[in-house]
Amino acid sequence: MKRLLQLLKFVFVGFGNAIIDLGVFNGLYFIAPTHDVKRLVLYNTLAVGSAILNSYIWNSRWTFRQQHRSRGPGAMRQRLLFLTQSFINIVVNDLILGFIAPLIVETHAVDHFIANNLAKLLAMFLASLTSFLMMKLVVFV
């Protein structure tokens, strides 16, 4: 029951992260539309970084509160592991978005905005799954 509650908290925080992630990504795209994959990846990196900051605040203080260390030698280790996990999350997210968005546009003749968001949703899902496993098994142990 405790693990299920923890997973539900993680999913709830994840929805907030998704809103931030998609909001920043689409906000940047709205301000400066582009078909350049490198710029989309930059938008994605900024969006994911914003969501990661939100994730750390909520997951460390709520989802994984019992395992979170705010002081002592374990706190620095935990923060470094979280940063490592965050970097992996950004890389996974960027690679999937950068590879999938152009494929969707080319193979399905879909508008760039829709293709970008479909690729973004897939990237978010796979990176979130990776993040949960890393936080559960490595960061907040």
N, C-alpha and C. Protein backbone atom coordinates (compact mmCIF):
# COMPACT_ATOMS: atom_id res chain seq x y z
N MET A 1 0.83 -1.20 0.00
CA MET A 1 0.00 0.00 0.00
C MET A 1 0.87 1.26 0.00
N LYS A 2 1.96 1.23 0.78
CA LYS A 2 2.85 2.38 0.86
C LYS A 2 3.50 2.66 -0.50
N ARG A 3 3.88 1.61 -1.19
CA ARG A 3 4.51 1.77 -2.51
C ARG A 3 3.51 2.30 -3.54
N LEU A 4 2.28 1.84 -3.46
CA LEU A 4 1.26 2.33 -4.37
C LEU A 4 0.99 3.81 -4.13
N LEU A 5 0.92 4.22 -2.87
CA LEU A 5 0.72 5.63 -2.54
C LEU A 5 1.90 6.45 -3.05
N GLN A 6 3.10 5.94 -2.90
CA GLN A 6 4.28 6.64 -3.38
C GLN A 6 4.24 6.78 -4.92
N LEU A 7 3.83 5.74 -5.59
CA LEU A 7 3.71 5.79 -7.05
C LEU A 7 2.64 6.80 -7.46
N LEU A 8 1.53 6.83 -6.76
CA LEU A 8 0.46 7.79 -7.07
C LEU A 8 0.93 9.23 -6.84
N LYS A 9 1.69 9.46 -5.78
CA LYS A 9 2.26 10.79 -5.55
C LYS A 9 3.19 11.16 -6.68
N PHE A 10 4.03 10.21 -7.09
CA PHE A 10 4.96 10.46 -8.19
C PHE A 10 4.20 10.81 -9.47
N VAL A 11 3.13 10.10 -9.75
CA VAL A 11 2.33 10.36 -10.94
C VAL A 11 1.68 11.74 -10.85
N PHE A 12 1.18 12.11 -9.67
CA PHE A 12 0.56 13.42 -9.47
C PHE A 12 1.59 14.53 -9.72
N VAL A 13 2.76 14.39 -9.13
CA VAL A 13 3.84 15.36 -9.36
C VAL A 13 4.20 15.36 -10.85
N GLY A 14 4.20 14.19 -11.45
CA GLY A 14 4.50 14.07 -12.87
C GLY A 14 3.53 14.85 -13.75
N PHE A 15 2.25 14.87 -13.38
CA PHE A 15 1.29 15.66 -14.16
C PHE A 15 1.62 17.15 -14.07
N GLY A 16 2.01 17.61 -12.89
CA GLY A 16 2.44 19.00 -12.75
C GLY A 16 3.68 19.27 -13.58
N ASN A 17 4.61 18.33 -13.56
CA ASN A 17 5.82 18.46 -14.37
C ASN A 17 5.48 18.51 -15.86
N ALA A 18 4.52 17.68 -16.26
CA ALA A 18 4.11 17.63 -17.67
C ALA A 18 3.52 18.97 -18.11
N ILE A 19 2.72 19.57 -17.24
CA ILE A 19 2.13 20.87 -17.57
C ILE A 19 3.22 21.92 -17.74
N ILE A 20 4.18 21.91 -16.82
CA ILE A 20 5.30 22.86 -16.91
C ILE A 20 6.13 22.58 -18.16
N ASP A 21 6.46 21.32 -18.38
CA ASP A 21 7.28 20.90 -19.51
C ASP A 21 6.62 21.31 -20.84
N LEU A 22 5.38 20.91 -21.03
CA LEU A 22 4.67 21.24 -22.27
C LEU A 22 4.44 22.74 -22.39
N GLY A 23 4.16 23.41 -21.27
CA GLY A 23 3.93 24.85 -21.30
C GLY A 23 5.16 25.62 -21.74
N VAL A 24 6.31 25.29 -21.17
CA VAL A 24 7.55 25.97 -21.54
C VAL A 24 7.92 25.64 -22.99
N PHE A 25 7.84 24.35 -23.34
CA PHE A 25 8.18 23.93 -24.71
C PHE A 25 7.31 24.64 -25.75
N ASN A 26 6.00 24.60 -25.55
CA ASN A 26 5.10 25.22 -26.52
C ASN A 26 5.13 26.74 -26.44
N GLY A 27 5.40 27.28 -25.25
CA GLY A 27 5.54 28.73 -25.13
C GLY A 27 6.72 29.23 -25.95
N LEU A 28 7.85 28.54 -25.84
CA LEU A 28 9.02 28.91 -26.64
C LEU A 28 8.75 28.73 -28.14
N TYR A 29 8.07 27.64 -28.48
CA TYR A 29 7.73 27.39 -29.88
C TYR A 29 6.77 28.46 -30.41
N PHE A 30 5.84 28.90 -29.57
CA PHE A 30 4.89 29.94 -29.97
C PHE A 30 5.60 31.27 -30.18
N ILE A 31 6.54 31.60 -29.29
CA ILE A 31 7.29 32.86 -29.39
C ILE A 31 8.20 32.86 -30.62
N ALA A 32 8.87 31.72 -30.86
CA ALA A 32 9.82 31.64 -31.98
C ALA A 32 9.66 30.30 -32.69
N PRO A 33 8.62 30.16 -33.55
CA PRO A 33 8.41 28.89 -34.25
C PRO A 33 9.63 28.51 -35.09
N THR A 34 9.86 27.22 -35.18
CA THR A 34 11.03 26.75 -35.94
C THR A 34 10.79 25.34 -36.45
N HIS A 35 11.49 25.01 -37.52
CA HIS A 35 11.52 23.64 -38.04
C HIS A 35 12.89 23.04 -37.80
N ASP A 36 13.77 23.82 -37.20
CA ASP A 36 15.14 23.39 -36.92
C ASP A 36 15.15 22.46 -35.70
N VAL A 37 15.60 21.24 -35.91
CA VAL A 37 15.60 20.24 -34.83
C VAL A 37 16.50 20.68 -33.67
N LYS A 38 17.63 21.31 -33.99
CA LYS A 38 18.52 21.76 -32.91
C LYS A 38 17.84 22.79 -32.00
N ARG A 39 17.08 23.68 -32.58
CA ARG A 39 16.37 24.67 -31.77
C ARG A 39 15.26 24.00 -30.96
N LEU A 40 14.57 23.03 -31.56
CA LEU A 40 13.54 22.29 -30.82
C LEU A 40 14.16 21.57 -29.62
N VAL A 41 15.33 20.99 -29.83
CA VAL A 41 16.02 20.30 -28.74
C VAL A 41 16.41 21.31 -27.65
N LEU A 42 16.81 22.51 -28.04
CA LEU A 42 17.10 23.56 -27.05
C LEU A 42 15.84 23.92 -26.27
N TYR A 43 14.73 24.12 -26.96
CA TYR A 43 13.45 24.40 -26.28
C TYR A 43 13.12 23.26 -25.31
N ASN A 44 13.34 22.05 -25.79
CA ASN A 44 13.05 20.87 -24.97
C ASN A 44 13.93 20.83 -23.73
N THR A 45 15.20 21.12 -23.89
CA THR A 45 16.12 21.11 -22.76
C THR A 45 15.69 22.13 -21.70
N LEU A 46 15.32 23.32 -22.13
CA LEU A 46 14.85 24.34 -21.19
C LEU A 46 13.54 23.92 -20.51
N ALA A 47 12.65 23.32 -21.28
CA ALA A 47 11.38 22.86 -20.73
C ALA A 47 11.58 21.73 -19.72
N VAL A 48 12.40 20.76 -20.08
CA VAL A 48 12.67 19.64 -19.19
C VAL A 48 13.39 20.13 -17.93
N GLY A 49 14.33 21.04 -18.09
CA GLY A 49 15.02 21.61 -16.93
C GLY A 49 14.06 22.27 -15.95
N SER A 50 13.08 22.99 -16.47
CA SER A 50 12.06 23.62 -15.61
C SER A 50 11.24 22.56 -14.87
N ALA A 51 10.86 21.53 -15.59
CA ALA A 51 10.08 20.45 -14.98
C ALA A 51 10.91 19.69 -13.94
N ILE A 52 12.20 19.52 -14.20
CA ILE A 52 13.07 18.81 -13.26
C ILE A 52 13.20 19.58 -11.96
N LEU A 53 13.31 20.89 -12.05
CA LEU A 53 13.37 21.70 -10.83
C LEU A 53 12.10 21.52 -10.01
N ASN A 54 10.96 21.57 -10.67
CA ASN A 54 9.68 21.32 -9.99
C ASN A 54 9.65 19.91 -9.40
N SER A 55 10.13 18.95 -10.16
CA SER A 55 10.15 17.56 -9.73
C SER A 55 10.98 17.39 -8.46
N TYR A 56 12.16 18.01 -8.44
CA TYR A 56 13.02 17.86 -7.26
C TYR A 56 12.33 18.43 -6.01
N ILE A 57 11.76 19.60 -6.16
CA ILE A 57 11.11 20.24 -5.01
C ILE A 57 10.00 19.35 -4.47
N TRP A 58 9.10 18.90 -5.33
CA TRP A 58 7.95 18.11 -4.87
C TRP A 58 8.30 16.67 -4.50
N ASN A 59 9.15 16.01 -5.29
CA ASN A 59 9.47 14.62 -4.97
C ASN A 59 10.33 14.49 -3.72
N SER A 60 11.26 15.43 -3.52
CA SER A 60 12.11 15.33 -2.33
C SER A 60 11.34 15.68 -1.06
N ARG A 61 10.36 16.56 -1.17
CA ARG A 61 9.64 17.01 0.03
C ARG A 61 8.32 16.29 0.26
N TRP A 62 7.86 15.54 -0.75
CA TRP A 62 6.55 14.91 -0.59
C TRP A 62 6.59 13.43 -0.97
N THR A 63 6.88 13.13 -2.23
CA THR A 63 6.82 11.74 -2.70
C THR A 63 7.81 10.84 -1.97
N PHE A 64 9.06 11.28 -1.89
CA PHE A 64 10.11 10.48 -1.28
C PHE A 64 10.60 11.12 0.02
N ARG A 65 9.70 11.78 0.74
CA ARG A 65 10.06 12.53 1.94
C ARG A 65 10.81 11.68 2.96
N GLN A 66 10.37 10.47 3.18
CA GLN A 66 11.03 9.62 4.19
C GLN A 66 12.46 9.27 3.79
N GLN A 67 12.72 9.22 2.49
CA GLN A 67 14.05 8.85 2.04
C GLN A 67 14.93 10.07 1.74
N HIS A 68 14.33 11.26 1.76
CA HIS A 68 15.08 12.49 1.43
C HIS A 68 15.96 12.91 2.59
N ARG A 69 17.19 13.27 2.27
CA ARG A 69 18.14 13.76 3.28
C ARG A 69 18.42 15.22 2.99
N SER A 70 18.11 16.10 3.94
CA SER A 70 18.35 17.53 3.70
C SER A 70 19.70 17.98 4.24
N ARG A 71 20.31 17.17 5.13
CA ARG A 71 21.60 17.54 5.71
C ARG A 71 22.49 16.31 5.85
N GLY A 72 23.75 16.59 6.07
CA GLY A 72 24.70 15.51 6.31
C GLY A 72 25.32 15.00 5.03
N PRO A 73 26.21 14.00 5.18
CA PRO A 73 26.93 13.48 4.02
C PRO A 73 26.02 12.83 2.98
N GLY A 74 24.93 12.25 3.45
CA GLY A 74 24.00 11.61 2.52
C GLY A 74 23.27 12.60 1.64
N ALA A 75 23.10 13.84 2.12
CA ALA A 75 22.38 14.85 1.35
C ALA A 75 23.13 15.22 0.08
N MET A 76 24.44 15.40 0.17
CA MET A 76 25.22 15.75 -1.01
C MET A 76 25.19 14.61 -2.02
N ARG A 77 25.33 13.38 -1.53
CA ARG A 77 25.27 12.22 -2.42
C ARG A 77 23.93 12.17 -3.14
N GLN A 78 22.85 12.40 -2.38
CA GLN A 78 21.52 12.36 -2.94
C GLN A 78 21.33 13.45 -4.02
N ARG A 79 21.83 14.64 -3.74
CA ARG A 79 21.72 15.74 -4.71
C ARG A 79 22.53 15.43 -5.98
N LEU A 80 23.71 14.88 -5.82
CA LEU A 80 24.53 14.52 -6.98
C LEU A 80 23.86 13.42 -7.82
N LEU A 81 23.28 12.45 -7.13
CA LEU A 81 22.57 11.39 -7.84
C LEU A 81 21.34 11.95 -8.56
N PHE A 82 20.65 12.88 -7.92
CA PHE A 82 19.49 13.50 -8.56
C PHE A 82 19.93 14.28 -9.80
N LEU A 83 21.03 15.02 -9.70
CA LEU A 83 21.54 15.75 -10.86
C LEU A 83 21.93 14.79 -11.99
N THR A 84 22.55 13.67 -11.63
CA THR A 84 22.91 12.67 -12.64
C THR A 84 21.65 12.12 -13.31
N GLN A 85 20.66 11.79 -12.49
CA GLN A 85 19.39 11.30 -13.01
C GLN A 85 18.74 12.35 -13.90
N SER A 86 18.84 13.62 -13.52
CA SER A 86 18.26 14.71 -14.30
C SER A 86 18.95 14.83 -15.65
N PHE A 87 20.26 14.73 -15.65
CA PHE A 87 21.02 14.80 -16.90
C PHE A 87 20.61 13.66 -17.83
N ILE A 88 20.47 12.46 -17.29
CA ILE A 88 20.04 11.31 -18.10
C ILE A 88 18.64 11.55 -18.64
N ASN A 89 17.77 12.12 -17.81
CA ASN A 89 16.40 12.44 -18.23
C ASN A 89 16.42 13.39 -19.42
N ILE A 90 17.24 14.45 -19.33
CA ILE A 90 17.31 15.43 -20.43
C ILE A 90 17.85 14.78 -21.70
N VAL A 91 18.89 13.96 -21.56
CA VAL A 91 19.47 13.30 -22.74
C VAL A 91 18.45 12.37 -23.39
N VAL A 92 17.78 11.54 -22.60
CA VAL A 92 16.76 10.63 -23.14
C VAL A 92 15.66 11.44 -23.83
N ASN A 93 15.19 12.48 -23.14
CA ASN A 93 14.14 13.33 -23.68
C ASN A 93 14.56 13.97 -25.00
N ASP A 94 15.75 14.57 -25.02
CA ASP A 94 16.22 15.25 -26.22
C ASP A 94 16.45 14.29 -27.39
N LEU A 95 17.03 13.13 -27.11
CA LEU A 95 17.29 12.16 -28.17
C LEU A 95 15.98 11.67 -28.80
N ILE A 96 15.01 11.37 -27.97
CA ILE A 96 13.74 10.88 -28.50
C ILE A 96 13.03 11.97 -29.30
N LEU A 97 12.96 13.18 -28.75
CA LEU A 97 12.31 14.28 -29.46
C LEU A 97 13.04 14.58 -30.77
N GLY A 98 14.35 14.70 -30.71
CA GLY A 98 15.13 15.03 -31.90
C GLY A 98 15.05 13.99 -32.99
N PHE A 99 14.85 12.75 -32.62
CA PHE A 99 14.77 11.67 -33.60
C PHE A 99 13.34 11.46 -34.11
N ILE A 100 12.37 11.51 -33.21
CA ILE A 100 10.98 11.16 -33.55
C ILE A 100 10.24 12.29 -34.26
N ALA A 101 10.41 13.54 -33.81
CA ALA A 101 9.64 14.65 -34.41
C ALA A 101 9.83 14.73 -35.93
N PRO A 102 11.07 14.71 -36.43
CA PRO A 102 11.23 14.76 -37.89
C PRO A 102 10.63 13.53 -38.60
N LEU A 103 10.72 12.37 -37.96
CA LEU A 103 10.13 11.16 -38.56
C LEU A 103 8.62 11.27 -38.70
N ILE A 104 7.97 11.82 -37.68
CA ILE A 104 6.52 11.98 -37.73
C ILE A 104 6.14 12.93 -38.87
N VAL A 105 6.87 14.02 -38.98
CA VAL A 105 6.59 14.98 -40.05
C VAL A 105 6.76 14.33 -41.42
N GLU A 106 7.86 13.60 -41.60
CA GLU A 106 8.17 13.00 -42.91
C GLU A 106 7.24 11.86 -43.28
N THR A 107 6.96 10.97 -42.33
CA THR A 107 6.21 9.76 -42.66
C THR A 107 4.69 9.93 -42.61
N HIS A 108 4.21 10.92 -41.86
CA HIS A 108 2.76 11.06 -41.71
C HIS A 108 2.23 12.39 -42.23
N ALA A 109 3.10 13.19 -42.80
CA ALA A 109 2.70 14.50 -43.34
C ALA A 109 1.85 15.28 -42.34
N VAL A 110 2.32 15.31 -41.11
CA VAL A 110 1.63 15.99 -40.03
C VAL A 110 2.27 17.36 -39.83
N ASP A 111 1.47 18.32 -39.44
CA ASP A 111 1.96 19.66 -39.13
C ASP A 111 3.07 19.58 -38.08
N HIS A 112 4.04 20.47 -38.18
CA HIS A 112 5.19 20.46 -37.26
C HIS A 112 4.75 20.59 -35.80
N PHE A 113 3.81 21.45 -35.52
CA PHE A 113 3.34 21.64 -34.14
C PHE A 113 2.81 20.33 -33.56
N ILE A 114 2.00 19.63 -34.32
CA ILE A 114 1.43 18.35 -33.85
C ILE A 114 2.53 17.30 -33.74
N ALA A 115 3.39 17.22 -34.73
CA ALA A 115 4.49 16.25 -34.70
C ALA A 115 5.39 16.49 -33.50
N ASN A 116 5.72 17.76 -33.25
CA ASN A 116 6.58 18.10 -32.11
C ASN A 116 5.94 17.66 -30.80
N ASN A 117 4.65 17.89 -30.66
CA ASN A 117 3.98 17.54 -29.42
C ASN A 117 3.78 16.04 -29.25
N LEU A 118 3.54 15.33 -30.34
CA LEU A 118 3.47 13.86 -30.25
C LEU A 118 4.82 13.29 -29.83
N ALA A 119 5.88 13.78 -30.45
CA ALA A 119 7.23 13.33 -30.09
C ALA A 119 7.54 13.72 -28.65
N LYS A 120 7.14 14.92 -28.25
CA LYS A 120 7.38 15.41 -26.89
C LYS A 120 6.68 14.51 -25.87
N LEU A 121 5.43 14.14 -26.14
CA LEU A 121 4.70 13.27 -25.21
C LEU A 121 5.36 11.91 -25.06
N LEU A 122 5.81 11.33 -26.18
CA LEU A 122 6.52 10.05 -26.12
C LEU A 122 7.82 10.19 -25.33
N ALA A 123 8.55 11.26 -25.60
CA ALA A 123 9.81 11.50 -24.89
C ALA A 123 9.56 11.68 -23.39
N MET A 124 8.53 12.42 -23.05
CA MET A 124 8.20 12.65 -21.63
C MET A 124 7.87 11.33 -20.94
N PHE A 125 7.07 10.49 -21.59
CA PHE A 125 6.68 9.23 -20.99
C PHE A 125 7.89 8.33 -20.72
N LEU A 126 8.72 8.15 -21.73
CA LEU A 126 9.87 7.26 -21.57
C LEU A 126 10.90 7.82 -20.58
N ALA A 127 11.13 9.12 -20.62
CA ALA A 127 12.07 9.72 -19.68
C ALA A 127 11.52 9.69 -18.26
N SER A 128 10.21 9.86 -18.10
CA SER A 128 9.60 9.80 -16.76
C SER A 128 9.71 8.41 -16.16
N LEU A 129 9.48 7.41 -16.97
CA LEU A 129 9.63 6.03 -16.50
C LEU A 129 11.07 5.78 -16.04
N THR A 130 12.02 6.23 -16.83
CA THR A 130 13.43 6.10 -16.47
C THR A 130 13.72 6.84 -15.16
N SER A 131 13.19 8.05 -15.04
CA SER A 131 13.41 8.86 -13.82
C SER A 131 12.85 8.19 -12.58
N PHE A 132 11.63 7.67 -12.67
CA PHE A 132 11.03 7.03 -11.49
C PHE A 132 11.90 5.87 -11.03
N LEU A 133 12.31 5.04 -11.96
CA LEU A 133 13.14 3.89 -11.58
C LEU A 133 14.46 4.34 -10.96
N MET A 134 15.06 5.37 -11.52
CA MET A 134 16.34 5.86 -10.96
C MET A 134 16.15 6.48 -9.58
N MET A 135 15.06 7.28 -9.41
CA MET A 135 14.84 7.89 -8.10
C MET A 135 14.50 6.84 -7.04
N LYS A 136 13.69 5.88 -7.43
CA LYS A 136 13.27 4.83 -6.49
C LYS A 136 14.42 3.91 -6.12
N LEU A 137 15.23 3.53 -7.11
CA LEU A 137 16.26 2.51 -6.87
C LEU A 137 17.66 3.07 -6.58
N VAL A 138 17.91 4.34 -6.93
CA VAL A 138 19.26 4.86 -6.78
C VAL A 138 19.31 6.14 -5.92
N VAL A 139 18.48 7.12 -6.24
CA VAL A 139 18.60 8.43 -5.61
C VAL A 139 18.09 8.44 -4.18
N PHE A 140 16.83 8.05 -3.99
CA PHE A 140 16.20 8.16 -2.67
C PHE A 140 16.13 6.80 -1.98
N VAL A 141 17.28 6.14 -1.84
CA VAL A 141 17.32 4.83 -1.16
C VAL A 141 17.80 5.01 0.27
